[in-house]
Amino acid sequence: MPELQFVQGDITEQSVDAIVNAANSSLMGGGGVDGAIHRRGGPEILQACREIRRTTFPGGLPTGQAVATTAGRLPARWVIHTVGPVYAKSEDRSDLLASAYRESLRVADEVGAVSVAFPAISAGIYGWPMDDAARIAVTTAREGATSVERVIFVLYGRDAYAAFTSVR
């Protein structure tokens, strides 16, 4: 089980082996965490994502899956892109959110990452309630079979930080 840490701040400033990007399926950048990672990481990340779309996932990265690219100009070695589900009251998609965390840890193991920084996947524009997103994220990280030694949840704002640190 990895050591879990919680930080309120900017994920693009984390000096870790891998930064997880809450990406959209196109992998072409977007808003929120995704846009910040692409802007700060530079064109190398977009170029790597275009190659993944051309060769591996021409239809886009499926929800709950993950893939690694260079981190470009970020203070990390890799960016692990994962697509979290959009929240829906009418359908339980918790398994897909947990899969985004599990698959990110699996990819981290594949690239040899020892430290990984995660955002609150799906808890922004995808509308997942923060308390539930925190519960799924922390539980999945705790229960994950991984060689990752340190998972850092980098949370934007006091509410997100409070939700994640309150999970027992």
N, C-alpha and C. Protein backbone atom coordinates (compact mmCIF):
# COMPACT_ATOMS: atom_id res chain seq x y z
N MET A 1 0.85 -1.18 0.00
CA MET A 1 0.00 0.00 0.00
C MET A 1 0.89 1.25 0.00
N PRO A 2 0.63 2.16 -0.92
CA PRO A 2 1.45 3.38 -0.95
C PRO A 2 1.14 4.30 0.22
N GLU A 3 2.12 5.12 0.56
CA GLU A 3 1.90 6.18 1.54
C GLU A 3 1.03 7.24 0.85
N LEU A 4 -0.01 7.70 1.53
CA LEU A 4 -0.89 8.72 0.96
C LEU A 4 -0.58 10.07 1.59
N GLN A 5 -0.48 11.08 0.74
CA GLN A 5 -0.28 12.45 1.18
C GLN A 5 -1.34 13.33 0.52
N PHE A 6 -1.64 14.43 1.18
CA PHE A 6 -2.65 15.36 0.69
C PHE A 6 -2.07 16.76 0.70
N VAL A 7 -2.18 17.45 -0.42
CA VAL A 7 -1.61 18.78 -0.58
C VAL A 7 -2.65 19.67 -1.23
N GLN A 8 -2.80 20.87 -0.73
CA GLN A 8 -3.64 21.85 -1.40
C GLN A 8 -2.72 22.67 -2.28
N GLY A 9 -2.95 22.65 -3.59
CA GLY A 9 -2.06 23.39 -4.47
C GLY A 9 -2.26 23.08 -5.93
N ASP A 10 -1.19 23.30 -6.69
CA ASP A 10 -1.17 23.20 -8.14
C ASP A 10 -0.44 21.92 -8.54
N ILE A 11 -1.14 21.01 -9.18
CA ILE A 11 -0.54 19.72 -9.55
C ILE A 11 0.63 19.88 -10.51
N THR A 12 0.64 20.94 -11.31
CA THR A 12 1.71 21.13 -12.29
C THR A 12 3.03 21.52 -11.64
N GLU A 13 3.02 21.78 -10.34
CA GLU A 13 4.25 22.16 -9.63
C GLU A 13 4.83 21.00 -8.83
N GLN A 14 4.25 19.83 -8.92
CA GLN A 14 4.69 18.69 -8.12
C GLN A 14 5.90 18.00 -8.74
N SER A 15 6.97 17.86 -7.96
CA SER A 15 8.16 17.12 -8.40
C SER A 15 7.98 15.65 -8.02
N VAL A 16 7.41 14.92 -8.95
CA VAL A 16 7.11 13.50 -8.76
C VAL A 16 7.50 12.75 -10.03
N ASP A 17 7.46 11.43 -9.96
CA ASP A 17 7.74 10.65 -11.17
C ASP A 17 6.63 10.83 -12.20
N ALA A 18 5.37 10.82 -11.74
CA ALA A 18 4.25 10.92 -12.67
C ALA A 18 3.15 11.82 -12.11
N ILE A 19 2.62 12.64 -12.99
CA ILE A 19 1.45 13.47 -12.69
C ILE A 19 0.28 12.89 -13.47
N VAL A 20 -0.82 12.65 -12.78
CA VAL A 20 -2.01 12.13 -13.45
C VAL A 20 -2.84 13.31 -13.96
N ASN A 21 -3.23 13.19 -15.21
CA ASN A 21 -4.05 14.20 -15.86
C ASN A 21 -5.49 13.71 -15.95
N ALA A 22 -6.41 14.50 -15.42
CA ALA A 22 -7.84 14.22 -15.58
C ALA A 22 -8.21 14.70 -16.98
N ALA A 23 -7.97 13.84 -17.96
CA ALA A 23 -8.09 14.19 -19.37
C ALA A 23 -9.50 13.96 -19.89
N ASN A 24 -9.75 14.50 -21.07
CA ASN A 24 -10.95 14.10 -21.79
C ASN A 24 -10.52 13.03 -22.80
N SER A 25 -11.45 12.34 -23.39
CA SER A 25 -11.10 11.18 -24.22
C SER A 25 -10.31 11.56 -25.47
N SER A 26 -10.39 12.81 -25.90
CA SER A 26 -9.66 13.22 -27.10
C SER A 26 -8.16 13.30 -26.87
N LEU A 27 -7.74 13.49 -25.61
CA LEU A 27 -6.34 13.68 -25.22
C LEU A 27 -5.72 14.94 -25.81
N MET A 28 -6.55 15.85 -26.30
CA MET A 28 -6.02 17.03 -26.97
C MET A 28 -6.01 18.28 -26.08
N GLY A 29 -6.15 18.10 -24.77
CA GLY A 29 -6.18 19.24 -23.87
C GLY A 29 -7.61 19.68 -23.64
N GLY A 30 -7.78 20.59 -22.72
CA GLY A 30 -9.12 21.07 -22.40
C GLY A 30 -9.03 22.10 -21.30
N GLY A 31 -10.00 22.09 -20.42
CA GLY A 31 -10.02 23.04 -19.31
C GLY A 31 -9.51 22.40 -18.03
N GLY A 32 -9.56 23.13 -16.96
CA GLY A 32 -9.21 22.62 -15.64
C GLY A 32 -7.80 22.06 -15.58
N VAL A 33 -7.67 20.92 -14.89
CA VAL A 33 -6.37 20.25 -14.72
C VAL A 33 -5.77 19.92 -16.09
N ASP A 34 -6.58 19.42 -16.99
CA ASP A 34 -6.12 19.01 -18.31
C ASP A 34 -5.46 20.19 -19.04
N GLY A 35 -6.13 21.31 -19.08
CA GLY A 35 -5.58 22.49 -19.74
C GLY A 35 -4.31 22.98 -19.07
N ALA A 36 -4.29 22.98 -17.75
CA ALA A 36 -3.12 23.44 -17.01
C ALA A 36 -1.91 22.55 -17.29
N ILE A 37 -2.11 21.24 -17.34
CA ILE A 37 -1.02 20.31 -17.62
C ILE A 37 -0.48 20.52 -19.03
N HIS A 38 -1.36 20.66 -20.00
CA HIS A 38 -0.93 20.88 -21.38
C HIS A 38 -0.21 22.23 -21.53
N ARG A 39 -0.73 23.27 -20.90
CA ARG A 39 -0.09 24.59 -21.00
C ARG A 39 1.30 24.58 -20.37
N ARG A 40 1.39 24.09 -19.16
CA ARG A 40 2.66 24.12 -18.44
C ARG A 40 3.65 23.10 -19.00
N GLY A 41 3.16 21.97 -19.46
CA GLY A 41 4.04 20.91 -19.97
C GLY A 41 4.57 21.19 -21.36
N GLY A 42 3.88 22.02 -22.12
CA GLY A 42 4.34 22.39 -23.44
C GLY A 42 3.89 21.45 -24.55
N PRO A 43 4.33 21.76 -25.76
CA PRO A 43 3.85 21.05 -26.95
C PRO A 43 4.27 19.58 -27.02
N GLU A 44 5.27 19.18 -26.25
CA GLU A 44 5.71 17.79 -26.27
C GLU A 44 4.60 16.85 -25.82
N ILE A 45 3.79 17.30 -24.86
CA ILE A 45 2.70 16.45 -24.36
C ILE A 45 1.64 16.28 -25.45
N LEU A 46 1.25 17.37 -26.08
CA LEU A 46 0.24 17.30 -27.14
C LEU A 46 0.73 16.43 -28.30
N GLN A 47 1.99 16.56 -28.64
CA GLN A 47 2.57 15.76 -29.72
C GLN A 47 2.48 14.27 -29.37
N ALA A 48 2.81 13.91 -28.13
CA ALA A 48 2.73 12.51 -27.70
C ALA A 48 1.28 12.02 -27.70
N CYS A 49 0.36 12.89 -27.29
CA CYS A 49 -1.06 12.51 -27.29
C CYS A 49 -1.57 12.30 -28.72
N ARG A 50 -1.14 13.13 -29.63
CA ARG A 50 -1.53 12.96 -31.04
C ARG A 50 -1.05 11.61 -31.58
N GLU A 51 0.16 11.21 -31.18
CA GLU A 51 0.70 9.93 -31.62
C GLU A 51 -0.12 8.77 -31.03
N ILE A 52 -0.52 8.88 -29.78
CA ILE A 52 -1.36 7.85 -29.15
C ILE A 52 -2.70 7.75 -29.88
N ARG A 53 -3.28 8.88 -30.23
CA ARG A 53 -4.55 8.87 -30.97
C ARG A 53 -4.35 8.25 -32.35
N ARG A 54 -3.24 8.52 -32.98
CA ARG A 54 -2.97 8.01 -34.32
C ARG A 54 -2.75 6.50 -34.30
N THR A 55 -2.08 5.99 -33.28
CA THR A 55 -1.65 4.59 -33.28
C THR A 55 -2.44 3.65 -32.38
N THR A 56 -2.77 4.09 -31.17
CA THR A 56 -3.32 3.18 -30.17
C THR A 56 -4.81 3.37 -29.91
N PHE A 57 -5.22 4.62 -29.78
CA PHE A 57 -6.63 4.92 -29.47
C PHE A 57 -7.19 5.92 -30.47
N PRO A 58 -7.40 5.50 -31.72
CA PRO A 58 -7.88 6.45 -32.73
C PRO A 58 -9.27 7.03 -32.41
N GLY A 59 -10.05 6.31 -31.64
CA GLY A 59 -11.38 6.80 -31.27
C GLY A 59 -11.38 7.55 -29.95
N GLY A 60 -10.23 7.73 -29.36
CA GLY A 60 -10.13 8.41 -28.07
C GLY A 60 -9.89 7.41 -26.95
N LEU A 61 -9.35 7.91 -25.84
CA LEU A 61 -9.09 7.07 -24.68
C LEU A 61 -10.41 6.76 -23.97
N PRO A 62 -10.73 5.48 -23.78
CA PRO A 62 -12.00 5.13 -23.13
C PRO A 62 -12.03 5.56 -21.65
N THR A 63 -13.21 5.85 -21.17
CA THR A 63 -13.42 6.20 -19.77
C THR A 63 -12.92 5.07 -18.88
N GLY A 64 -12.16 5.45 -17.84
CA GLY A 64 -11.64 4.47 -16.89
C GLY A 64 -10.29 3.89 -17.28
N GLN A 65 -9.79 4.24 -18.46
CA GLN A 65 -8.49 3.74 -18.92
C GLN A 65 -7.42 4.81 -18.70
N ALA A 66 -6.15 4.44 -18.89
CA ALA A 66 -5.04 5.37 -18.69
C ALA A 66 -3.91 5.06 -19.64
N VAL A 67 -3.13 6.09 -19.97
CA VAL A 67 -1.99 5.97 -20.86
C VAL A 67 -0.95 7.01 -20.45
N ALA A 68 0.34 6.69 -20.65
CA ALA A 68 1.41 7.60 -20.24
C ALA A 68 2.04 8.29 -21.44
N THR A 69 2.47 9.54 -21.21
CA THR A 69 3.26 10.29 -22.18
C THR A 69 4.41 10.96 -21.44
N THR A 70 5.25 11.62 -22.20
CA THR A 70 6.27 12.47 -21.61
C THR A 70 5.58 13.54 -20.75
N ALA A 71 6.32 14.12 -19.83
CA ALA A 71 5.80 15.22 -19.04
C ALA A 71 6.24 16.57 -19.60
N GLY A 72 6.96 16.54 -20.72
CA GLY A 72 7.39 17.79 -21.33
C GLY A 72 8.18 18.65 -20.35
N ARG A 73 7.70 19.84 -20.11
CA ARG A 73 8.39 20.81 -19.26
C ARG A 73 7.94 20.78 -17.80
N LEU A 74 7.11 19.82 -17.46
CA LEU A 74 6.67 19.67 -16.06
C LEU A 74 7.80 19.08 -15.22
N PRO A 75 7.77 19.30 -13.89
CA PRO A 75 8.81 18.73 -13.02
C PRO A 75 8.52 17.27 -12.67
N ALA A 76 8.20 16.49 -13.69
CA ALA A 76 7.88 15.07 -13.54
C ALA A 76 8.48 14.35 -14.74
N ARG A 77 8.49 13.04 -14.70
CA ARG A 77 9.00 12.27 -15.85
C ARG A 77 7.90 11.91 -16.83
N TRP A 78 6.70 11.65 -16.30
CA TRP A 78 5.58 11.24 -17.14
C TRP A 78 4.31 11.98 -16.75
N VAL A 79 3.40 12.04 -17.71
CA VAL A 79 2.02 12.38 -17.44
C VAL A 79 1.20 11.13 -17.75
N ILE A 80 0.39 10.74 -16.80
CA ILE A 80 -0.52 9.61 -17.01
C ILE A 80 -1.90 10.22 -17.23
N HIS A 81 -2.40 10.06 -18.44
CA HIS A 81 -3.71 10.61 -18.81
C HIS A 81 -4.77 9.56 -18.52
N THR A 82 -5.81 9.97 -17.82
CA THR A 82 -6.93 9.07 -17.56
C THR A 82 -8.22 9.83 -17.76
N VAL A 83 -9.24 9.12 -18.16
CA VAL A 83 -10.55 9.73 -18.40
C VAL A 83 -11.51 9.24 -17.32
N GLY A 84 -11.93 10.17 -16.48
CA GLY A 84 -12.93 9.84 -15.47
C GLY A 84 -14.32 9.96 -16.06
N PRO A 85 -15.29 9.35 -15.41
CA PRO A 85 -16.67 9.43 -15.91
C PRO A 85 -17.33 10.75 -15.54
N VAL A 86 -18.29 11.13 -16.35
CA VAL A 86 -19.16 12.25 -16.03
C VAL A 86 -20.17 11.72 -15.01
N TYR A 87 -20.40 12.49 -13.94
CA TYR A 87 -21.34 12.07 -12.90
C TYR A 87 -22.77 12.07 -13.44
N ALA A 88 -23.54 11.06 -13.05
CA ALA A 88 -24.95 10.97 -13.43
C ALA A 88 -25.73 10.42 -12.24
N LYS A 89 -26.74 11.15 -11.78
CA LYS A 89 -27.57 10.67 -10.67
C LYS A 89 -28.33 9.40 -11.05
N SER A 90 -28.64 9.25 -12.33
CA SER A 90 -29.47 8.13 -12.78
C SER A 90 -28.69 6.84 -13.01
N GLU A 91 -27.35 6.89 -12.93
CA GLU A 91 -26.53 5.71 -13.21
C GLU A 91 -25.30 5.72 -12.32
N ASP A 92 -25.05 4.60 -11.64
CA ASP A 92 -23.87 4.50 -10.78
C ASP A 92 -22.64 4.21 -11.64
N ARG A 93 -21.75 5.18 -11.74
CA ARG A 93 -20.53 5.03 -12.52
C ARG A 93 -19.29 4.97 -11.63
N SER A 94 -19.50 4.64 -10.36
CA SER A 94 -18.40 4.58 -9.39
C SER A 94 -17.30 3.64 -9.83
N ASP A 95 -17.68 2.51 -10.48
CA ASP A 95 -16.67 1.55 -10.93
C ASP A 95 -15.75 2.17 -11.97
N LEU A 96 -16.27 3.05 -12.81
CA LEU A 96 -15.44 3.71 -13.81
C LEU A 96 -14.49 4.72 -13.18
N LEU A 97 -14.96 5.40 -12.13
CA LEU A 97 -14.08 6.34 -11.44
C LEU A 97 -12.96 5.58 -10.72
N ALA A 98 -13.30 4.52 -10.04
CA ALA A 98 -12.28 3.69 -9.39
C ALA A 98 -11.30 3.14 -10.42
N SER A 99 -11.81 2.74 -11.58
CA SER A 99 -10.95 2.22 -12.64
C SER A 99 -9.95 3.27 -13.12
N ALA A 100 -10.34 4.53 -13.18
CA ALA A 100 -9.42 5.59 -13.60
C ALA A 100 -8.22 5.65 -12.65
N TYR A 101 -8.46 5.50 -11.35
CA TYR A 101 -7.37 5.49 -10.38
C TYR A 101 -6.55 4.20 -10.47
N ARG A 102 -7.23 3.05 -10.54
CA ARG A 102 -6.53 1.76 -10.64
C ARG A 102 -5.66 1.69 -11.89
N GLU A 103 -6.23 2.08 -13.03
CA GLU A 103 -5.50 2.02 -14.29
C GLU A 103 -4.33 3.00 -14.29
N SER A 104 -4.49 4.14 -13.66
CA SER A 104 -3.38 5.10 -13.55
C SER A 104 -2.24 4.50 -12.74
N LEU A 105 -2.57 3.80 -11.67
CA LEU A 105 -1.53 3.14 -10.86
C LEU A 105 -0.88 1.99 -11.63
N ARG A 106 -1.68 1.28 -12.42
CA ARG A 106 -1.12 0.20 -13.24
C ARG A 106 -0.12 0.77 -14.25
N VAL A 107 -0.49 1.86 -14.92
CA VAL A 107 0.41 2.49 -15.88
C VAL A 107 1.65 3.04 -15.16
N ALA A 108 1.46 3.59 -13.96
CA ALA A 108 2.60 4.06 -13.17
C ALA A 108 3.57 2.92 -12.91
N ASP A 109 3.05 1.75 -12.58
CA ASP A 109 3.90 0.58 -12.39
C ASP A 109 4.64 0.22 -13.68
N GLU A 110 3.95 0.29 -14.81
CA GLU A 110 4.56 -0.05 -16.10
C GLU A 110 5.75 0.84 -16.42
N VAL A 111 5.64 2.14 -16.10
CA VAL A 111 6.73 3.07 -16.42
C VAL A 111 7.76 3.17 -15.31
N GLY A 112 7.50 2.52 -14.17
CA GLY A 112 8.44 2.52 -13.06
C GLY A 112 8.34 3.71 -12.14
N ALA A 113 7.20 4.36 -12.12
CA ALA A 113 7.00 5.52 -11.24
C ALA A 113 6.87 5.07 -9.79
N VAL A 114 7.57 5.76 -8.91
CA VAL A 114 7.51 5.49 -7.47
C VAL A 114 6.61 6.49 -6.77
N SER A 115 6.56 7.72 -7.29
CA SER A 115 5.70 8.76 -6.71
C SER A 115 4.76 9.27 -7.78
N VAL A 116 3.47 9.40 -7.41
CA VAL A 116 2.43 9.79 -8.36
C VAL A 116 1.55 10.85 -7.72
N ALA A 117 1.29 11.93 -8.47
CA ALA A 117 0.39 12.99 -8.02
C ALA A 117 -0.93 12.87 -8.77
N PHE A 118 -2.03 12.83 -8.01
CA PHE A 118 -3.38 12.73 -8.58
C PHE A 118 -4.16 14.00 -8.30
N PRO A 119 -4.98 14.42 -9.25
CA PRO A 119 -6.00 15.43 -8.96
C PRO A 119 -7.27 14.72 -8.47
N ALA A 120 -8.29 15.48 -8.20
CA ALA A 120 -9.61 14.91 -7.86
C ALA A 120 -10.33 14.62 -9.18
N ILE A 121 -10.10 13.44 -9.71
CA ILE A 121 -10.64 13.05 -11.02
C ILE A 121 -12.17 13.10 -10.99
N SER A 122 -12.73 13.69 -12.03
CA SER A 122 -14.19 13.81 -12.26
C SER A 122 -14.90 14.78 -11.32
N ALA A 123 -14.18 15.38 -10.36
CA ALA A 123 -14.85 16.23 -9.38
C ALA A 123 -14.94 17.69 -9.81
N GLY A 124 -14.46 18.02 -10.99
CA GLY A 124 -14.56 19.38 -11.49
C GLY A 124 -15.74 19.50 -12.44
N ILE A 125 -15.43 19.78 -13.69
CA ILE A 125 -16.46 20.00 -14.70
C ILE A 125 -17.32 18.75 -14.94
N TYR A 126 -16.81 17.57 -14.60
CA TYR A 126 -17.58 16.33 -14.78
C TYR A 126 -18.62 16.13 -13.67
N GLY A 127 -18.63 17.01 -12.68
CA GLY A 127 -19.73 17.10 -11.74
C GLY A 127 -19.82 16.08 -10.62
N TRP A 128 -18.77 15.28 -10.41
CA TRP A 128 -18.86 14.26 -9.35
C TRP A 128 -18.85 14.96 -8.00
N PRO A 129 -19.77 14.63 -7.09
CA PRO A 129 -19.77 15.25 -5.76
C PRO A 129 -18.43 14.99 -5.04
N MET A 130 -17.83 16.05 -4.52
CA MET A 130 -16.47 15.98 -3.99
C MET A 130 -16.31 14.92 -2.90
N ASP A 131 -17.24 14.83 -1.96
CA ASP A 131 -17.10 13.86 -0.88
C ASP A 131 -17.05 12.42 -1.41
N ASP A 132 -17.90 12.12 -2.39
CA ASP A 132 -17.92 10.78 -2.96
C ASP A 132 -16.69 10.54 -3.82
N ALA A 133 -16.26 11.55 -4.58
CA ALA A 133 -15.04 11.43 -5.39
C ALA A 133 -13.85 11.16 -4.49
N ALA A 134 -13.78 11.84 -3.35
CA ALA A 134 -12.68 11.66 -2.40
C ALA A 134 -12.70 10.24 -1.83
N ARG A 135 -13.87 9.76 -1.45
CA ARG A 135 -13.99 8.40 -0.89
C ARG A 135 -13.51 7.36 -1.89
N ILE A 136 -13.94 7.47 -3.12
CA ILE A 136 -13.56 6.50 -4.15
C ILE A 136 -12.05 6.58 -4.42
N ALA A 137 -11.52 7.79 -4.53
CA ALA A 137 -10.10 7.98 -4.82
C ALA A 137 -9.22 7.41 -3.73
N VAL A 138 -9.49 7.79 -2.50
CA VAL A 138 -8.63 7.38 -1.39
C VAL A 138 -8.75 5.87 -1.15
N THR A 139 -9.96 5.35 -1.20
CA THR A 139 -10.16 3.91 -1.00
C THR A 139 -9.45 3.10 -2.09
N THR A 140 -9.57 3.54 -3.33
CA THR A 140 -8.94 2.82 -4.44
C THR A 140 -7.42 2.87 -4.32
N ALA A 141 -6.86 4.02 -3.95
CA ALA A 141 -5.40 4.14 -3.78
C ALA A 141 -4.91 3.25 -2.64
N ARG A 142 -5.67 3.21 -1.55
CA ARG A 142 -5.28 2.39 -0.40
C ARG A 142 -5.31 0.91 -0.72
N GLU A 143 -6.30 0.50 -1.51
CA GLU A 143 -6.51 -0.92 -1.78
C GLU A 143 -5.77 -1.41 -3.02
N GLY A 144 -5.16 -0.48 -3.76
CA GLY A 144 -4.52 -0.85 -5.02
C GLY A 144 -3.28 -1.71 -4.84
N ALA A 145 -3.16 -2.72 -5.67
CA ALA A 145 -1.95 -3.54 -5.72
C ALA A 145 -0.99 -2.82 -6.65
N THR A 146 0.00 -2.14 -6.10
CA THR A 146 0.90 -1.31 -6.89
C THR A 146 2.28 -1.27 -6.26
N SER A 147 3.28 -0.96 -7.08
CA SER A 147 4.63 -0.73 -6.59
C SER A 147 4.87 0.73 -6.27
N VAL A 148 3.90 1.58 -6.59
CA VAL A 148 4.02 3.01 -6.27
C VAL A 148 4.15 3.14 -4.76
N GLU A 149 5.13 3.90 -4.32
CA GLU A 149 5.38 4.06 -2.89
C GLU A 149 4.67 5.27 -2.29
N ARG A 150 4.44 6.30 -3.11
CA ARG A 150 3.85 7.53 -2.58
C ARG A 150 2.81 8.07 -3.55
N VAL A 151 1.58 8.21 -3.06
CA VAL A 151 0.49 8.83 -3.81
C VAL A 151 0.19 10.17 -3.15
N ILE A 152 0.26 11.21 -3.94
CA ILE A 152 -0.03 12.56 -3.43
C ILE A 152 -1.30 13.03 -4.12
N PHE A 153 -2.32 13.31 -3.34
CA PHE A 153 -3.53 13.91 -3.88
C PHE A 153 -3.33 15.42 -3.81
N VAL A 154 -3.25 16.05 -4.98
CA VAL A 154 -3.03 17.49 -5.07
C VAL A 154 -4.38 18.12 -5.36
N LEU A 155 -4.87 18.86 -4.38
CA LEU A 155 -6.25 19.31 -4.40
C LEU A 155 -6.32 20.82 -4.54
N TYR A 156 -7.22 21.23 -5.41
CA TYR A 156 -7.38 22.64 -5.70
C TYR A 156 -8.50 23.20 -4.82
N GLY A 157 -8.14 23.96 -3.83
CA GLY A 157 -9.13 24.59 -2.97
C GLY A 157 -9.33 23.88 -1.64
N ARG A 158 -9.82 24.65 -0.68
CA ARG A 158 -10.02 24.13 0.69
C ARG A 158 -11.07 23.05 0.76
N ASP A 159 -12.15 23.18 -0.02
CA ASP A 159 -13.22 22.19 0.05
C ASP A 159 -12.74 20.81 -0.40
N ALA A 160 -11.99 20.78 -1.49
CA ALA A 160 -11.45 19.51 -1.98
C ALA A 160 -10.47 18.92 -0.97
N TYR A 161 -9.60 19.76 -0.43
CA TYR A 161 -8.64 19.29 0.56
C TYR A 161 -9.36 18.71 1.78
N ALA A 162 -10.38 19.40 2.26
CA ALA A 162 -11.13 18.93 3.42
C ALA A 162 -11.83 17.61 3.13
N ALA A 163 -12.40 17.47 1.95
CA ALA A 163 -13.10 16.23 1.59
C ALA A 163 -12.13 15.05 1.55
N PHE A 164 -10.96 15.25 0.95
CA PHE A 164 -10.00 14.14 0.83
C PHE A 164 -9.37 13.80 2.17
N THR A 165 -9.06 14.78 2.98
CA THR A 165 -8.41 14.47 4.27
C THR A 165 -9.38 13.91 5.30
N SER A 166 -10.68 14.00 5.04
CA SER A 166 -11.65 13.46 5.99
C SER A 166 -11.98 11.99 5.73
N VAL A 167 -11.51 11.43 4.62
CA VAL A 167 -11.79 10.03 4.31
C VAL A 167 -10.99 9.14 5.27
N ARG A 168 -11.68 8.21 5.89
CA ARG A 168 -11.03 7.29 6.83
C ARG A 168 -11.02 5.91 6.30
